[in-house]
PDB file of N, CA and C in Angstrom:
ATOM      1  N   MET A   1       0.855  -1.167   0.000  1.00  0.00           N
ATOM      2  CA  MET A   1       0.000   0.000   0.000  1.00  0.00           C
ATOM      3  C   MET A   1       0.905   1.236   0.000  1.00  0.00           C
ATOM      4  N   PRO A   2       0.747   2.097  -0.986  1.00  0.00           N
ATOM      5  CA  PRO A   2       1.586   3.295  -1.043  1.00  0.00           C
ATOM      6  C   PRO A   2       1.197   4.300   0.038  1.00  0.00           C
ATOM      7  N   CYS A   3       2.189   4.979   0.536  1.00  0.00           N
ATOM      8  CA  CYS A   3       1.967   6.002   1.559  1.00  0.00           C
ATOM      9  C   CYS A   3       1.849   7.366   0.878  1.00  0.00           C
ATOM     10  N   PRO A   4       0.814   8.126   1.179  1.00  0.00           N
ATOM     11  CA  PRO A   4       0.671   9.452   0.573  1.00  0.00           C
ATOM     12  C   PRO A   4       1.859  10.342   0.946  1.00  0.00           C
ATOM     13  N   GLU A   5       2.272  11.153  -0.008  1.00  0.00           N
ATOM     14  CA  GLU A   5       3.415  12.028   0.222  1.00  0.00           C
ATOM     15  C   GLU A   5       3.035  13.503   0.234  1.00  0.00           C
ATOM     16  N   MET A   6       1.995  13.852  -0.471  1.00  0.00           N
ATOM     17  CA  MET A   6       1.593  15.255  -0.590  1.00  0.00           C
ATOM     18  C   MET A   6       0.448  15.561   0.382  1.00  0.00           C
ATOM     19  N   PRO A   7       0.413  16.798   0.915  1.00  0.00           N
ATOM     20  CA  PRO A   7      -0.666  17.169   1.843  1.00  0.00           C
ATOM     21  C   PRO A   7      -2.067  16.953   1.273  1.00  0.00           C
ATOM     22  N   ASP A   8      -2.239  17.211  -0.018  1.00  0.00           N
ATOM     23  CA  ASP A   8      -3.567  17.024  -0.620  1.00  0.00           C
ATOM     24  C   ASP A   8      -3.998  15.564  -0.606  1.00  0.00           C
ATOM     25  N   GLU A   9      -3.044  14.655  -0.730  1.00  0.00           N
ATOM     26  CA  GLU A   9      -3.367  13.227  -0.674  1.00  0.00           C
ATOM     27  C   GLU A   9      -3.858  12.851   0.720  1.00  0.00           C
ATOM     28  N   TRP A  10      -3.198  13.379   1.755  1.00  0.00           N
ATOM     29  CA  TRP A  10      -3.621  13.106   3.132  1.00  0.00           C
ATOM     30  C   TRP A  10      -5.002  13.700   3.401  1.00  0.00           C
ATOM     31  N   LYS A  11      -5.242  14.894   2.894  1.00  0.00           N
ATOM     32  CA  LYS A  11      -6.552  15.532   3.090  1.00  0.00           C
ATOM     33  C   LYS A  11      -7.660  14.731   2.423  1.00  0.00           C
ATOM     34  N   ASN A  12      -7.370  14.169   1.258  1.00  0.00           N
ATOM     35  CA  ASN A  12      -8.351  13.347   0.559  1.00  0.00           C
ATOM     36  C   ASN A  12      -8.669  12.086   1.363  1.00  0.00           C
ATOM     37  N   ILE A  13      -7.648  11.457   1.926  1.00  0.00           N
ATOM     38  CA  ILE A  13      -7.860  10.261   2.750  1.00  0.00           C
ATOM     39  C   ILE A  13      -8.684  10.612   3.986  1.00  0.00           C
ATOM     40  N   ALA A  14      -8.350  11.732   4.641  1.00  0.00           N
ATOM     41  CA  ALA A  14      -9.100  12.151   5.830  1.00  0.00           C
ATOM     42  C   ALA A  14     -10.556  12.438   5.480  1.00  0.00           C
ATOM     43  N   LYS A  15     -10.803  13.056   4.312  1.00  0.00           N
ATOM     44  CA  LYS A  15     -12.181  13.337   3.896  1.00  0.00           C
ATOM     45  C   LYS A  15     -12.949  12.051   3.643  1.00  0.00           C
ATOM     46  N   GLN A  16     -12.325  11.097   2.955  1.00  0.00           N
ATOM     47  CA  GLN A  16     -12.986   9.816   2.689  1.00  0.00           C
ATOM     48  C   GLN A  16     -13.299   9.090   3.992  1.00  0.00           C
ATOM     49  N   PHE A  17     -12.375   9.108   4.945  1.00  0.00           N
ATOM     50  CA  PHE A  17     -12.597   8.480   6.248  1.00  0.00           C
ATOM     51  C   PHE A  17     -13.773   9.143   6.963  1.00  0.00           C
ATOM     52  N   GLY A  18     -13.781  10.474   6.988  1.00  0.00           N
ATOM     53  CA  GLY A  18     -14.870  11.202   7.641  1.00  0.00           C
ATOM     54  C   GLY A  18     -16.213  10.951   6.994  1.00  0.00           C
ATOM     55  N   ASP A  19     -16.229  10.913   5.663  1.00  0.00           N
ATOM     56  CA  ASP A  19     -17.485  10.657   4.958  1.00  0.00           C
ATOM     57  C   ASP A  19     -18.001   9.248   5.225  1.00  0.00           C
ATOM     58  N   ARG A  20     -17.095   8.296   5.293  1.00  0.00           N
ATOM     59  CA  ARG A  20     -17.511   6.905   5.483  1.00  0.00           C
ATOM     60  C   ARG A  20     -17.966   6.631   6.912  1.00  0.00           C
ATOM     61  N   TRP A  21     -17.222   7.108   7.894  1.00  0.00           N
ATOM     62  CA  TRP A  21     -17.483   6.749   9.290  1.00  0.00           C
ATOM     63  C   TRP A  21     -18.108   7.873  10.107  1.00  0.00           C
ATOM     64  N   GLN A  22     -18.345   9.042   9.515  1.00  0.00           N
ATOM     65  CA  GLN A  22     -18.884  10.209  10.212  1.00  0.00           C
ATOM     66  C   GLN A  22     -18.041  10.570  11.437  1.00  0.00           C
ATOM     67  N   LEU A  23     -16.727  10.418  11.309  1.00  0.00           N
ATOM     68  CA  LEU A  23     -15.782  10.793  12.365  1.00  0.00           C
ATOM     69  C   LEU A  23     -14.753  11.730  11.745  1.00  0.00           C
ATOM     70  N   HIS A  24     -15.157  12.956  11.517  1.00  0.00           N
ATOM     71  CA  HIS A  24     -14.275  13.915  10.874  1.00  0.00           C
ATOM     72  C   HIS A  24     -13.173  14.349  11.833  1.00  0.00           C
ATOM     73  N   ASN A  25     -11.976  14.501  11.315  1.00  0.00           N
ATOM     74  CA  ASN A  25     -10.794  14.944  12.064  1.00  0.00           C
ATOM     75  C   ASN A  25     -10.429  14.000  13.201  1.00  0.00           C
ATOM     76  N   CYS A  26     -10.754  12.732  13.074  1.00  0.00           N
ATOM     77  CA  CYS A  26     -10.454  11.757  14.123  1.00  0.00           C
ATOM     78  C   CYS A  26      -9.513  10.659  13.644  1.00  0.00           C
ATOM     79  N   VAL A  27      -8.876  10.826  12.505  1.00  0.00           N
ATOM     80  CA  VAL A  27      -7.976   9.801  11.999  1.00  0.00           C
ATOM     81  C   VAL A  27      -6.848   9.614  13.001  1.00  0.00           C
ATOM     82  N   ASN A  28      -6.684   8.389  13.462  1.00  0.00           N
ATOM     83  CA  ASN A  28      -5.613   8.007  14.381  1.00  0.00           C
ATOM     84  C   ASN A  28      -5.805   8.577  15.786  1.00  0.00           C
ATOM     85  N   ALA A  29      -6.979   9.079  16.122  1.00  0.00           N
ATOM     86  CA  ALA A  29      -7.188   9.675  17.433  1.00  0.00           C
ATOM     87  C   ALA A  29      -7.175   8.648  18.550  1.00  0.00           C
ATOM     88  N   SER A  30      -7.546   7.404  18.264  1.00  0.00           N
ATOM     89  CA  SER A  30      -7.615   6.398  19.324  1.00  0.00           C
ATOM     90  C   SER A  30      -6.480   5.392  19.243  1.00  0.00           C
ATOM     91  N   ASP A  31      -5.484   5.634  18.416  1.00  0.00           N
ATOM     92  CA  ASP A  31      -4.376   4.708  18.245  1.00  0.00           C
ATOM     93  C   ASP A  31      -3.608   4.560  19.556  1.00  0.00           C
ATOM     94  N   GLY A  32      -3.559   3.346  20.086  1.00  0.00           N
ATOM     95  CA  GLY A  32      -2.797   3.076  21.293  1.00  0.00           C
ATOM     96  C   GLY A  32      -3.472   3.531  22.572  1.00  0.00           C
ATOM     97  N   LYS A  33      -4.692   3.954  22.492  1.00  0.00           N
ATOM     98  CA  LYS A  33      -5.399   4.442  23.675  1.00  0.00           C
ATOM     99  C   LYS A  33      -6.376   3.376  24.166  1.00  0.00           C
ATOM    100  N   HIS A  34      -6.591   3.365  25.460  1.00  0.00           N
ATOM    101  CA  HIS A  34      -7.616   2.507  26.043  1.00  0.00           C
ATOM    102  C   HIS A  34      -8.868   3.360  26.194  1.00  0.00           C
ATOM    103  N   ILE A  35      -9.942   2.905  25.597  1.00  0.00           N
ATOM    104  CA  ILE A  35     -11.188   3.660  25.625  1.00  0.00           C
ATOM    105  C   ILE A  35     -12.217   2.866  26.417  1.00  0.00           C
ATOM    106  N   ALA A  36     -12.696   3.452  27.499  1.00  0.00           N
ATOM    107  CA  ALA A  36     -13.712   2.796  28.326  1.00  0.00           C
ATOM    108  C   ALA A  36     -15.079   2.990  27.686  1.00  0.00           C
ATOM    109  N   ILE A  37     -15.810   1.899  27.548  1.00  0.00           N
ATOM    110  CA  ILE A  37     -17.160   1.953  27.001  1.00  0.00           C
ATOM    111  C   ILE A  37     -18.113   1.519  28.104  1.00  0.00           C
ATOM    112  N   HIS A  38     -19.030   2.393  28.448  1.00  0.00           N
ATOM    113  CA  HIS A  38     -19.972   2.124  29.529  1.00  0.00           C
ATOM    114  C   HIS A  38     -21.365   1.906  28.961  1.00  0.00           C
ATOM    115  N   ILE A  39     -22.068   0.951  29.505  1.00  0.00           N
ATOM    116  CA  ILE A  39     -23.441   0.677  29.107  1.00  0.00           C
ATOM    117  C   ILE A  39     -24.365   1.587  29.898  1.00  0.00           C
ATOM    118  N   VAL A  40     -25.253   2.269  29.204  1.00  0.00           N
ATOM    119  CA  VAL A  40     -26.232   3.124  29.853  1.00  0.00           C
ATOM    120  C   VAL A  40     -27.464   2.273  30.114  1.00  0.00           C
ATOM    121  N   LEU A  41     -27.814   2.110  31.375  1.00  0.00           N
ATOM    122  CA  LEU A  41     -28.959   1.285  31.732  1.00  0.00           C
ATOM    123  C   LEU A  41     -30.255   1.913  31.239  1.00  0.00           C
ATOM    124  N   GLY A  42     -31.130   1.091  30.734  1.00  0.00           N
ATOM    125  CA  GLY A  42     -32.428   1.551  30.273  1.00  0.00           C
ATOM    126  C   GLY A  42     -32.434   2.043  28.833  1.00  0.00           C
ATOM    127  N   VAL A  43     -31.289   2.014  28.181  1.00  0.00           N
ATOM    128  CA  VAL A  43     -31.215   2.460  26.791  1.00  0.00           C
ATOM    129  C   VAL A  43     -30.788   1.278  25.943  1.00  0.00           C
ATOM    130  N   MET A  44     -31.614   0.913  24.976  1.00  0.00           N
ATOM    131  CA  MET A  44     -31.289  -0.208  24.098  1.00  0.00           C
ATOM    132  C   MET A  44     -31.000   0.321  22.703  1.00  0.00           C
ATOM    133  N   SER A  45     -29.986  -0.204  22.107  1.00  0.00           N
ATOM    134  CA  SER A  45     -29.621   0.159  20.743  1.00  0.00           C
ATOM    135  C   SER A  45     -29.960  -1.000  19.822  1.00  0.00           C
ATOM    136  N   PRO A  46     -30.381  -0.739  18.591  1.00  0.00           N
ATOM    137  CA  PRO A  46     -30.633  -1.842  17.652  1.00  0.00           C
ATOM    138  C   PRO A  46     -29.382  -2.691  17.428  1.00  0.00           C
ATOM    139  N   CYS A  47     -28.214  -2.099  17.592  1.00  0.00           N
ATOM    140  CA  CYS A  47     -26.966  -2.847  17.408  1.00  0.00           C
ATOM    141  C   CYS A  47     -26.689  -3.770  18.587  1.00  0.00           C
ATOM    142  N   ALA A  48     -27.295  -3.499  19.733  1.00  0.00           N
ATOM    143  CA  ALA A  48     -27.022  -4.280  20.931  1.00  0.00           C
ATOM    144  C   ALA A  48     -27.989  -5.445  21.099  1.00  0.00           C
ATOM    145  N   THR A  49     -29.037  -5.474  20.304  1.00  0.00           N
ATOM    146  CA  THR A  49     -30.022  -6.539  20.443  1.00  0.00           C
ATOM    147  C   THR A  49     -29.800  -7.611  19.396  1.00  0.00           C
ATOM    148  N   THR A  50     -30.048  -8.829  19.769  1.00  0.00           N
ATOM    149  CA  THR A  50     -29.941  -9.937  18.820  1.00  0.00           C
ATOM    150  C   THR A  50     -31.243 -10.714  18.831  1.00  0.00           C
ATOM    151  N   THR A  51     -31.518 -11.390  17.743  1.00  0.00           N
ATOM    152  CA  THR A  51     -32.749 -12.179  17.679  1.00  0.00           C
ATOM    153  C   THR A  51     -32.419 -13.631  17.485  1.00  0.00           C
TER     154      THR A  51
END
C-alpha cells in the first residue's frame, strides 16, 4: 500500500474516512489508547439486540 506524500493526498484520505465513518478529524485519534465503554442502563440500541 503506497503512503501518501503530498498534503492534498492526506486531506483526501481524511475526507474519505470522515465521509464513510462520520468521524471527521479523528484519523488516528484512538491509536494506542484505552477507551472505556460504559453501558447506559435503560437504553437499548438496535446494534445491541440480537434475535
